[in-house]
Amino acid sequence: MARKLSSQVLLRLPPELKAQLDEAARTSNRSLNSEILTRLEASLGVEIASPGTPRGRPVQRDEMVQVVELTAEKSVEALWRKIAKELMADPAMKEALSSSPRKKP
């Protein structure tokens, strides 16, 4: 659940800094507000939201690779299950698969 914010601050930024923050927010898939809050919390040593939330800490490359690999692995497994289910729904294919010799590992 998102934390309620109780204060608003009007902030004046140099255009170059705003552009950098906008780009950083796009890159990290966050709103500008979330990007600024995340950076402020990190610089002040405040505990920030858990990963996976919009304001989660910046994700390191190795962590992102692990997430992508795990997601891909689960997607491939789900796809194979779907293909197997569809193949086994076809009586001719089911017969062909069940009668074919299998190699022992």
Protein backbone atom coordinates (compact mmCIF):
# COMPACT_ATOMS: atom_id res chain seq x y z
CA MET A 1 0.00 0.00 0.00
CA ALA A 2 1.34 3.42 -0.91
CA ARG A 3 2.29 5.77 1.86
CA LYS A 4 0.14 8.89 2.17
CA LEU A 5 2.06 12.06 1.51
CA SER A 6 1.14 14.93 3.72
CA SER A 7 3.15 17.79 2.25
CA GLN A 8 3.50 19.45 -1.10
CA VAL A 9 6.54 21.50 -2.01
CA LEU A 10 6.85 23.87 -4.91
CA LEU A 11 10.34 23.29 -6.23
CA ARG A 12 12.23 25.40 -8.74
CA LEU A 13 14.78 23.50 -10.78
CA PRO A 14 17.19 24.54 -13.49
CA PRO A 15 15.86 23.23 -16.84
CA GLU A 16 18.92 21.00 -17.30
CA LEU A 17 18.38 19.28 -13.93
CA LYS A 18 14.67 18.81 -14.65
CA ALA A 19 15.54 17.23 -18.01
CA GLN A 20 17.98 14.85 -16.29
CA LEU A 21 15.36 13.89 -13.70
CA ASP A 22 12.74 13.38 -16.42
CA GLU A 23 15.11 11.06 -18.30
CA ALA A 24 16.03 9.16 -15.11
CA ALA A 25 12.34 8.72 -14.28
CA ARG A 26 11.62 7.35 -17.77
CA THR A 27 14.62 5.01 -17.58
CA SER A 28 13.58 3.64 -14.19
CA ASN A 29 9.90 3.51 -15.20
CA ARG A 30 8.81 5.89 -12.44
CA SER A 31 6.92 9.13 -12.31
CA LEU A 32 8.98 12.28 -11.86
CA ASN A 33 7.64 12.58 -8.31
CA SER A 34 8.63 8.98 -7.48
CA GLU A 35 12.08 9.49 -8.99
CA ILE A 36 12.70 12.60 -6.88
CA LEU A 37 11.41 10.89 -3.71
CA THR A 38 13.54 7.81 -4.31
CA ARG A 39 16.66 9.90 -4.82
CA LEU A 40 15.96 12.06 -1.77
CA GLU A 41 15.34 9.03 0.42
CA ALA A 42 18.53 7.36 -0.81
CA SER A 43 20.64 10.46 -0.24
CA LEU A 44 19.27 10.91 3.27
CA GLY A 45 19.66 7.25 4.16
CA VAL A 46 15.93 6.79 4.68
CA GLU A 47 14.54 3.28 4.23
CA ILE A 48 12.80 3.22 0.90
CA ALA A 49 9.96 1.12 -0.50
CA SER A 50 10.63 -2.50 -1.36
CA PRO A 51 11.68 -3.51 -4.87
CA GLY A 52 8.81 -3.99 -7.28
CA THR A 53 6.92 -0.96 -6.09
CA PRO A 54 6.91 2.17 -8.23
CA ARG A 55 9.19 3.91 -5.72
CA GLY A 56 11.40 0.90 -5.10
CA ARG A 57 15.12 1.32 -4.86
CA PRO A 58 17.02 1.48 -8.12
CA VAL A 59 17.54 -2.05 -9.40
CA GLN A 60 21.08 -3.16 -10.11
CA ARG A 61 21.84 -4.72 -13.51
CA ASP A 62 22.55 -8.18 -12.03
CA GLU A 63 19.23 -8.15 -10.19
CA MET A 64 17.41 -7.14 -13.36
CA VAL A 65 19.10 -9.94 -15.31
CA GLN A 66 17.99 -12.46 -12.66
CA VAL A 67 14.41 -11.18 -12.81
CA VAL A 68 14.37 -11.32 -16.61
CA GLU A 69 15.86 -14.84 -16.66
CA LEU A 70 13.39 -16.11 -14.08
CA THR A 71 10.47 -14.51 -15.91
CA ALA A 72 11.63 -15.98 -19.22
CA GLU A 73 12.08 -19.41 -17.65
CA LYS A 74 8.56 -19.34 -16.18
CA SER A 75 7.15 -18.13 -19.51
CA VAL A 76 8.84 -20.94 -21.41
CA GLU A 77 7.58 -23.52 -18.91
CA ALA A 78 4.04 -22.15 -19.19
CA LEU A 79 4.28 -22.20 -22.98
CA TRP A 80 5.46 -25.83 -23.00
CA ARG A 81 2.60 -26.82 -20.68
CA LYS A 82 0.13 -25.10 -23.00
CA ILE A 83 1.59 -26.78 -26.08
CA ALA A 84 1.54 -30.19 -24.38
CA LYS A 85 -2.05 -29.69 -23.29
CA GLU A 86 -3.13 -28.73 -26.81
CA LEU A 87 -1.22 -31.63 -28.35
CA MET A 88 -2.74 -34.12 -25.91
CA ALA A 89 -6.22 -32.76 -26.71
CA ASP A 90 -5.80 -34.03 -30.29
CA PRO A 91 -6.56 -37.79 -30.23
CA ALA A 92 -4.29 -38.58 -33.21
CA MET A 93 -1.39 -36.65 -31.69
CA LYS A 94 -1.96 -38.22 -28.29
CA GLU A 95 -1.82 -41.69 -29.88
CA ALA A 96 1.33 -40.82 -31.84
CA LEU A 97 3.07 -39.43 -28.77
CA SER A 98 2.11 -42.32 -26.53
CA SER A 99 3.19 -44.99 -29.05
CA SER A 100 6.52 -43.44 -30.04
CA PRO A 101 9.63 -45.02 -28.47
CA ARG A 102 11.28 -42.88 -25.83
CA LYS A 103 14.96 -42.58 -25.21
CA LYS A 104 16.11 -43.38 -21.72
CA PRO A 105 18.35 -40.74 -20.13
